[in-house]
Amino acid sequence: MKDVKKVDNIENVERALIVIDMVNGFVREGAMADPYIEHIIPEIERLTKEFLKSGNGVFFVKDTHKKGCMEFKKFPEHCLKGTSEAELVDELRKYEQYATGVYEKNSTSVIFAPHFIDDIEKMKNLKEVVGVGCCSDICDLNAFISLINYFDQNDRDVKITIPENAIETYDAPYHSRVEYTDAATKLMKQAGIQIVKKYEMKEGK
């Protein structure tokens, strides 16, 4: 892909884009999908291209489960390993080969996914994490509040930024996307995460 630079040495990553659960099973098919979430795909693709072209790290997180996993006691069966539900949406899947890291998670928090924290620890030069994806009140919230707590625990000065136009959640009875996203962004802001309307990379970065 033209002008794309994959960061092979994870220790060189200074700015990381973490894309949470932009998989078919939450967007286009299956019991947990809400097609409305599609509206954030163009912005996430824009950021993905910008990060790759500028030599920054891109990391994809994919909800991936086995039959009978514990999470299915709380949510309908979804994103089974080996099915299209567990794959990134087509618009983003083409960038997966250029990602510095790809993680399959079996819970609502990527923090516990194999190799995720190990990779965060390797990024000694990391200065900023930009978080995008779905669902804003579940997997985004769990990922980025846990991550900022990890940075605090280890006295690492790493900023986390969440652009509001690149996160979303589902709409359902007793689960208003507007209400729950608003609550999630307030909780993240309270935890010290920077919430912005749109993320713009500074020139030369």
C-alpha atoms as a PDB file:
ATOM      1  CA  MET A   1       0.000   0.000   0.000  1.00  0.00           C
ATOM      2  CA  LYS A   2       1.445   3.338  -1.075  1.00  0.00           C
ATOM      3  CA  ASP A   3       3.253   5.419   1.578  1.00  0.00           C
ATOM      4  CA  VAL A   4       2.395   2.999   4.384  1.00  0.00           C
ATOM      5  CA  LYS A   5       5.155   2.385   6.913  1.00  0.00           C
ATOM      6  CA  LYS A   6       4.816  -0.583   9.221  1.00  0.00           C
ATOM      7  CA  VAL A   7       6.599  -0.175  12.550  1.00  0.00           C
ATOM      8  CA  ASP A   8       8.408  -3.470  12.988  1.00  0.00           C
ATOM      9  CA  ASN A   9      10.351  -2.474  16.111  1.00  0.00           C
ATOM     10  CA  ILE A  10       7.689  -1.964  18.744  1.00  0.00           C
ATOM     11  CA  GLU A  11      10.144  -0.116  21.003  1.00  0.00           C
ATOM     12  CA  ASN A  12      10.171   2.747  18.477  1.00  0.00           C
ATOM     13  CA  VAL A  13       6.437   3.451  18.820  1.00  0.00           C
ATOM     14  CA  GLU A  14       5.820   6.926  20.229  1.00  0.00           C
ATOM     15  CA  ARG A  15       2.161   7.273  19.252  1.00  0.00           C
ATOM     16  CA  ALA A  16      -0.243   4.322  19.096  1.00  0.00           C
ATOM     17  CA  LEU A  17      -3.691   4.040  17.539  1.00  0.00           C
ATOM     18  CA  ILE A  18      -5.646   1.266  19.271  1.00  0.00           C
ATOM     19  CA  VAL A  19      -8.721   0.175  17.312  1.00  0.00           C
ATOM     20  CA  ILE A  20     -11.176  -1.725  19.501  1.00  0.00           C
ATOM     21  CA  ASP A  21     -13.548  -4.381  18.109  1.00  0.00           C
ATOM     22  CA  MET A  22     -14.341  -3.001  14.674  1.00  0.00           C
ATOM     23  CA  VAL A  23     -15.351  -6.508  13.664  1.00  0.00           C
ATOM     24  CA  ASN A  24     -18.285  -7.741  11.601  1.00  0.00           C
ATOM     25  CA  GLY A  25     -19.917  -9.258  14.683  1.00  0.00           C
ATOM     26  CA  PHE A  26     -20.453  -5.824  16.221  1.00  0.00           C
ATOM     27  CA  VAL A  27     -21.197  -3.944  13.019  1.00  0.00           C
ATOM     28  CA  ARG A  28     -22.640  -6.070  10.222  1.00  0.00           C
ATOM     29  CA  GLU A  29     -23.769  -9.546  11.241  1.00  0.00           C
ATOM     30  CA  GLY A  30     -24.789 -11.648  14.198  1.00  0.00           C
ATOM     31  CA  ALA A  31     -26.656 -11.219  17.465  1.00  0.00           C
ATOM     32  CA  MET A  32     -24.527  -8.324  18.741  1.00  0.00           C
ATOM     33  CA  ALA A  33     -24.271  -6.257  15.550  1.00  0.00           C
ATOM     34  CA  ASP A  34     -25.650  -2.735  15.202  1.00  0.00           C
ATOM     35  CA  PRO A  35     -25.240  -1.350  11.650  1.00  0.00           C
ATOM     36  CA  TYR A  36     -25.373   2.209  12.993  1.00  0.00           C
ATOM     37  CA  ILE A  37     -21.804   1.721  14.203  1.00  0.00           C
ATOM     38  CA  GLU A  38     -20.750   1.777  10.530  1.00  0.00           C
ATOM     39  CA  HIS A  39     -20.781   5.576  10.599  1.00  0.00           C
ATOM     40  CA  ILE A  40     -17.461   5.696  12.512  1.00  0.00           C
ATOM     41  CA  ILE A  41     -15.627   3.472   9.999  1.00  0.00           C
ATOM     42  CA  PRO A  42     -14.515   6.294   7.636  1.00  0.00           C
ATOM     43  CA  GLU A  43     -12.982   8.276  10.511  1.00  0.00           C
ATOM     44  CA  ILE A  44     -11.204   5.214  11.876  1.00  0.00           C
ATOM     45  CA  GLU A  45      -9.890   4.407   8.408  1.00  0.00           C
ATOM     46  CA  ARG A  46      -8.649   8.000   8.057  1.00  0.00           C
ATOM     47  CA  LEU A  47      -6.770   7.757  11.327  1.00  0.00           C
ATOM     48  CA  THR A  48      -5.402   4.315  10.467  1.00  0.00           C
ATOM     49  CA  LYS A  49      -3.964   5.607   7.188  1.00  0.00           C
ATOM     50  CA  GLU A  50      -2.519   8.716   8.850  1.00  0.00           C
ATOM     51  CA  PHE A  51      -0.844   6.710  11.591  1.00  0.00           C
ATOM     52  CA  LEU A  52       0.616   4.211   9.146  1.00  0.00           C
ATOM     53  CA  LYS A  53       1.848   6.860   6.715  1.00  0.00           C
ATOM     54  CA  SER A  54       3.547   8.790   9.504  1.00  0.00           C
ATOM     55  CA  GLY A  55       5.292   5.695  10.842  1.00  0.00           C
ATOM     56  CA  ASN A  56       3.261   5.455  14.031  1.00  0.00           C
ATOM     57  CA  GLY A  57       1.923   2.242  15.548  1.00  0.00           C
ATOM     58  CA  VAL A  58      -1.506   0.807  14.700  1.00  0.00           C
ATOM     59  CA  PHE A  59      -2.963  -1.943  16.872  1.00  0.00           C
ATOM     60  CA  PHE A  60      -6.171  -3.867  16.149  1.00  0.00           C
ATOM     61  CA  VAL A  61      -8.228  -5.599  18.833  1.00  0.00           C
ATOM     62  CA  LYS A  62     -10.668  -8.313  17.727  1.00  0.00           C
ATOM     63  CA  ASP A  63     -13.342  -9.839  19.938  1.00  0.00           C
ATOM     64  CA  THR A  64     -12.799 -13.587  19.472  1.00  0.00           C
ATOM     65  CA  HIS A  65     -14.504 -16.387  21.397  1.00  0.00           C
ATOM     66  CA  LYS A  66     -14.769 -20.155  21.546  1.00  0.00           C
ATOM     67  CA  LYS A  67     -18.071 -22.033  21.884  1.00  0.00           C
ATOM     68  CA  GLY A  68     -19.338 -22.033  25.441  1.00  0.00           C
ATOM     69  CA  CYS A  69     -17.044 -19.281  26.744  1.00  0.00           C
ATOM     70  CA  MET A  70     -17.955 -17.619  30.037  1.00  0.00           C
ATOM     71  CA  GLU A  71     -18.882 -14.315  28.410  1.00  0.00           C
ATOM     72  CA  PHE A  72     -21.838 -16.003  26.698  1.00  0.00           C
ATOM     73  CA  LYS A  73     -23.527 -16.233  30.112  1.00  0.00           C
ATOM     74  CA  LYS A  74     -23.795 -12.440  29.958  1.00  0.00           C
ATOM     75  CA  PHE A  75     -24.135 -11.738  26.216  1.00  0.00           C
ATOM     76  CA  PRO A  76     -25.567 -13.667  23.244  1.00  0.00           C
ATOM     77  CA  GLU A  77     -23.121 -15.874  21.335  1.00  0.00           C
ATOM     78  CA  HIS A  78     -20.992 -13.715  19.041  1.00  0.00           C
ATOM     79  CA  CYS A  79     -17.629 -13.381  17.279  1.00  0.00           C
ATOM     80  CA  LEU A  80     -16.738 -17.081  17.274  1.00  0.00           C
ATOM     81  CA  LYS A  81     -13.139 -17.774  16.293  1.00  0.00           C
ATOM     82  CA  GLY A  82     -12.852 -18.814  12.651  1.00  0.00           C
ATOM     83  CA  THR A  83     -16.045 -17.035  11.579  1.00  0.00           C
ATOM     84  CA  SER A  84     -16.438 -13.779   9.688  1.00  0.00           C
ATOM     85  CA  GLU A  85     -17.938 -12.178  12.814  1.00  0.00           C
ATOM     86  CA  ALA A  86     -14.493 -12.223  14.436  1.00  0.00           C
ATOM     87  CA  GLU A  87     -12.821 -10.512  11.462  1.00  0.00           C
ATOM     88  CA  LEU A  88     -12.301  -6.789  10.997  1.00  0.00           C
ATOM     89  CA  VAL A  89     -14.750  -5.004   8.714  1.00  0.00           C
ATOM     90  CA  ASP A  90     -13.514  -4.947   5.119  1.00  0.00           C
ATOM     91  CA  GLU A  91     -12.585  -1.259   5.205  1.00  0.00           C
ATOM     92  CA  LEU A  92     -10.063  -1.936   7.983  1.00  0.00           C
ATOM     93  CA  ARG A  93      -9.089  -5.532   7.302  1.00  0.00           C
ATOM     94  CA  LYS A  94      -6.837  -4.473   4.429  1.00  0.00           C
ATOM     95  CA  TYR A  95      -4.637  -2.615   6.945  1.00  0.00           C
ATOM     96  CA  GLU A  96      -4.265  -5.548   9.321  1.00  0.00           C
ATOM     97  CA  GLN A  97      -1.084  -6.770   7.621  1.00  0.00           C
ATOM     98  CA  TYR A  98       0.580  -3.431   8.402  1.00  0.00           C
ATOM     99  CA  ALA A  99      -0.387  -3.366  12.083  1.00  0.00           C
ATOM    100  CA  THR A 100       2.307  -3.435  14.738  1.00  0.00           C
ATOM    101  CA  GLY A 101       0.037  -5.621  16.871  1.00  0.00           C
ATOM    102  CA  VAL A 102      -3.220  -7.586  16.552  1.00  0.00           C
ATOM    103  CA  TYR A 103      -4.925  -9.003  19.647  1.00  0.00           C
ATOM    104  CA  GLU A 104      -7.783 -11.464  20.061  1.00  0.00           C
ATOM    105  CA  LYS A 105      -9.674 -10.956  23.302  1.00  0.00           C
ATOM    106  CA  ASN A 106     -12.033 -13.306  25.116  1.00  0.00           C
ATOM    107  CA  SER A 107     -13.457 -10.710  27.511  1.00  0.00           C
ATOM    108  CA  THR A 108     -14.645  -7.113  27.391  1.00  0.00           C
ATOM    109  CA  SER A 109     -11.136  -5.863  28.243  1.00  0.00           C
ATOM    110  CA  VAL A 110      -8.121  -6.134  25.945  1.00  0.00           C
ATOM    111  CA  ILE A 111      -5.899  -5.620  28.984  1.00  0.00           C
ATOM    112  CA  PHE A 112      -6.094  -9.376  29.622  1.00  0.00           C
ATOM    113  CA  ALA A 113      -5.650 -10.456  25.993  1.00  0.00           C
ATOM    114  CA  PRO A 114      -2.465 -12.458  25.301  1.00  0.00           C
ATOM    115  CA  HIS A 115       0.588 -10.249  24.655  1.00  0.00           C
ATOM    116  CA  PHE A 116      -1.234  -6.900  24.955  1.00  0.00           C
ATOM    117  CA  ILE A 117       0.338  -5.681  28.198  1.00  0.00           C
ATOM    118  CA  ASP A 118       3.639  -7.304  27.241  1.00  0.00           C
ATOM    119  CA  ASP A 119       3.650  -5.136  24.109  1.00  0.00           C
ATOM    120  CA  ILE A 120       2.665  -2.008  26.057  1.00  0.00           C
ATOM    121  CA  GLU A 121       5.625  -2.653  28.355  1.00  0.00           C
ATOM    122  CA  LYS A 122       7.951  -2.930  25.337  1.00  0.00           C
ATOM    123  CA  MET A 123       6.896   0.527  24.105  1.00  0.00           C
ATOM    124  CA  LYS A 124       9.397   2.444  26.251  1.00  0.00           C
ATOM    125  CA  ASN A 125       9.125   5.548  24.033  1.00  0.00           C
ATOM    126  CA  LEU A 126       5.319   5.674  24.005  1.00  0.00           C
ATOM    127  CA  LYS A 127       3.943   9.185  24.553  1.00  0.00           C
ATOM    128  CA  GLU A 128       0.318   8.966  23.423  1.00  0.00           C
ATOM    129  CA  VAL A 129      -2.418   6.400  22.837  1.00  0.00           C
ATOM    130  CA  VAL A 130      -5.387   7.288  20.636  1.00  0.00           C
ATOM    131  CA  GLY A 131      -8.363   5.013  21.284  1.00  0.00           C
ATOM    132  CA  VAL A 132     -11.181   4.358  18.822  1.00  0.00           C
ATOM    133  CA  GLY A 133     -13.817   1.717  18.097  1.00  0.00           C
ATOM    134  CA  CYS A 134     -16.725   0.074  19.875  1.00  0.00           C
ATOM    135  CA  CYS A 135     -18.453  -0.298  22.155  1.00  0.00           C
ATOM    136  CA  SER A 136     -17.847   3.009  23.895  1.00  0.00           C
ATOM    137  CA  ASP A 137     -19.429   1.993  27.216  1.00  0.00           C
ATOM    138  CA  ILE A 138     -18.093  -1.572  27.342  1.00  0.00           C
ATOM    139  CA  CYS A 139     -14.870  -2.555  25.580  1.00  0.00           C
ATOM    140  CA  ASP A 140     -13.597   0.998  25.014  1.00  0.00           C
ATOM    141  CA  LEU A 141     -14.300   2.004  28.617  1.00  0.00           C
ATOM    142  CA  ASN A 142     -12.743  -1.165  30.038  1.00  0.00           C
ATOM    143  CA  ALA A 143      -9.673  -0.888  27.823  1.00  0.00           C
ATOM    144  CA  PHE A 144      -8.740   2.740  28.290  1.00  0.00           C
ATOM    145  CA  ILE A 145      -9.559   3.245  31.966  1.00  0.00           C
ATOM    146  CA  SER A 146      -7.579   0.090  32.738  1.00  0.00           C
ATOM    147  CA  LEU A 147      -4.751   1.294  30.511  1.00  0.00           C
ATOM    148  CA  ILE A 148      -4.480   4.719  32.120  1.00  0.00           C
ATOM    149  CA  ASN A 149      -4.501   3.008  35.520  1.00  0.00           C
ATOM    150  CA  TYR A 150      -1.646   0.810  34.299  1.00  0.00           C
ATOM    151  CA  PHE A 151       0.337   3.879  33.236  1.00  0.00           C
ATOM    152  CA  ASP A 152      -0.302   5.535  36.613  1.00  0.00           C
ATOM    153  CA  GLN A 153       0.682   2.405  38.513  1.00  0.00           C
ATOM    154  CA  ASN A 154       3.970   2.280  36.643  1.00  0.00           C
ATOM    155  CA  ASP A 155       4.589   6.064  36.683  1.00  0.00           C
ATOM    156  CA  ARG A 156       4.551   6.305  32.907  1.00  0.00           C
ATOM    157  CA  ASP A 157       3.689   9.686  31.425  1.00  0.00           C
ATOM    158  CA  VAL A 158       1.517   8.533  28.505  1.00  0.00           C
ATOM    159  CA  LYS A 159      -1.489  10.539  27.359  1.00  0.00           C
ATOM    160  CA  ILE A 160      -4.658   8.755  26.236  1.00  0.00           C
ATOM    161  CA  THR A 161      -6.905  10.594  23.766  1.00  0.00           C
ATOM    162  CA  ILE A 162     -10.384   9.503  22.668  1.00  0.00           C
ATOM    163  CA  PRO A 163     -11.994  11.231  19.650  1.00  0.00           C
ATOM    164  CA  GLU A 164     -15.776  11.289  20.071  1.00  0.00           C
ATOM    165  CA  ASN A 165     -16.364  10.936  16.323  1.00  0.00           C
ATOM    166  CA  ALA A 166     -14.550   7.577  16.292  1.00  0.00           C
ATOM    167  CA  ILE A 167     -16.308   5.705  19.120  1.00  0.00           C
ATOM    168  CA  GLU A 168     -19.829   4.311  19.258  1.00  0.00           C
ATOM    169  CA  THR A 169     -22.060   1.803  21.021  1.00  0.00           C
ATOM    170  CA  TYR A 170     -25.207  -0.138  20.164  1.00  0.00           C
ATOM    171  CA  ASP A 171     -28.829   0.892  20.601  1.00  0.00           C
ATOM    172  CA  ALA A 172     -31.261  -1.484  22.317  1.00  0.00           C
ATOM    173  CA  PRO A 173     -34.165  -1.432  24.774  1.00  0.00           C
ATOM    174  CA  TYR A 174     -32.863  -0.005  28.062  1.00  0.00           C
ATOM    175  CA  HIS A 175     -29.558   0.827  26.340  1.00  0.00           C
ATOM    176  CA  SER A 176     -29.575   4.223  24.659  1.00  0.00           C
ATOM    177  CA  ARG A 177     -26.425   4.730  22.600  1.00  0.00           C
ATOM    178  CA  VAL A 178     -26.453   8.458  23.336  1.00  0.00           C
ATOM    179  CA  GLU A 179     -26.915   8.021  27.084  1.00  0.00           C
ATOM    180  CA  TYR A 180     -24.357   5.244  27.471  1.00  0.00           C
ATOM    181  CA  THR A 181     -21.711   6.881  25.278  1.00  0.00           C
ATOM    182  CA  ASP A 182     -22.159  10.131  27.199  1.00  0.00           C
ATOM    183  CA  ALA A 183     -21.709   8.275  30.495  1.00  0.00           C
ATOM    184  CA  ALA A 184     -18.645   6.436  29.162  1.00  0.00           C
ATOM    185  CA  THR A 185     -16.912   9.596  27.970  1.00  0.00           C
ATOM    186  CA  LYS A 186     -17.596  11.302  31.301  1.00  0.00           C
ATOM    187  CA  LEU A 187     -16.093   8.373  33.211  1.00  0.00           C
ATOM    188  CA  MET A 188     -13.038   8.293  30.961  1.00  0.00           C
ATOM    189  CA  LYS A 189     -12.554  12.039  31.294  1.00  0.00           C
ATOM    190  CA  GLN A 190     -12.821  11.735  35.067  1.00  0.00           C
ATOM    191  CA  ALA A 191     -10.069   9.094  34.945  1.00  0.00           C
ATOM    192  CA  GLY A 192      -7.722  11.546  33.210  1.00  0.00           C
ATOM    193  CA  ILE A 193      -8.341  10.578  29.593  1.00  0.00           C
ATOM    194  CA  GLN A 194      -8.536  13.442  27.100  1.00  0.00           C
ATOM    195  CA  ILE A 195     -11.835  13.523  25.187  1.00  0.00           C
ATOM    196  CA  VAL A 196     -11.790  15.459  21.894  1.00  0.00           C
ATOM    197  CA  LYS A 197     -14.341  15.972  19.139  1.00  0.00           C
ATOM    198  CA  LYS A 198     -11.908  14.890  16.415  1.00  0.00           C
ATOM    199  CA  TYR A 199      -8.277  13.835  16.454  1.00  0.00           C
ATOM    200  CA  GLU A 200      -5.887  15.708  14.206  1.00  0.00           C
ATOM    201  CA  MET A 201      -2.275  14.651  14.037  1.00  0.00           C
ATOM    202  CA  LYS A 202       0.157  17.528  14.262  1.00  0.00           C
ATOM    203  CA  GLU A 203       2.240  18.112  11.141  1.00  0.00           C
ATOM    204  CA  GLY A 204       5.460  16.163  11.150  1.00  0.00           C
ATOM    205  CA  LYS A 205       4.245  13.729  13.790  1.00  0.00           C
END
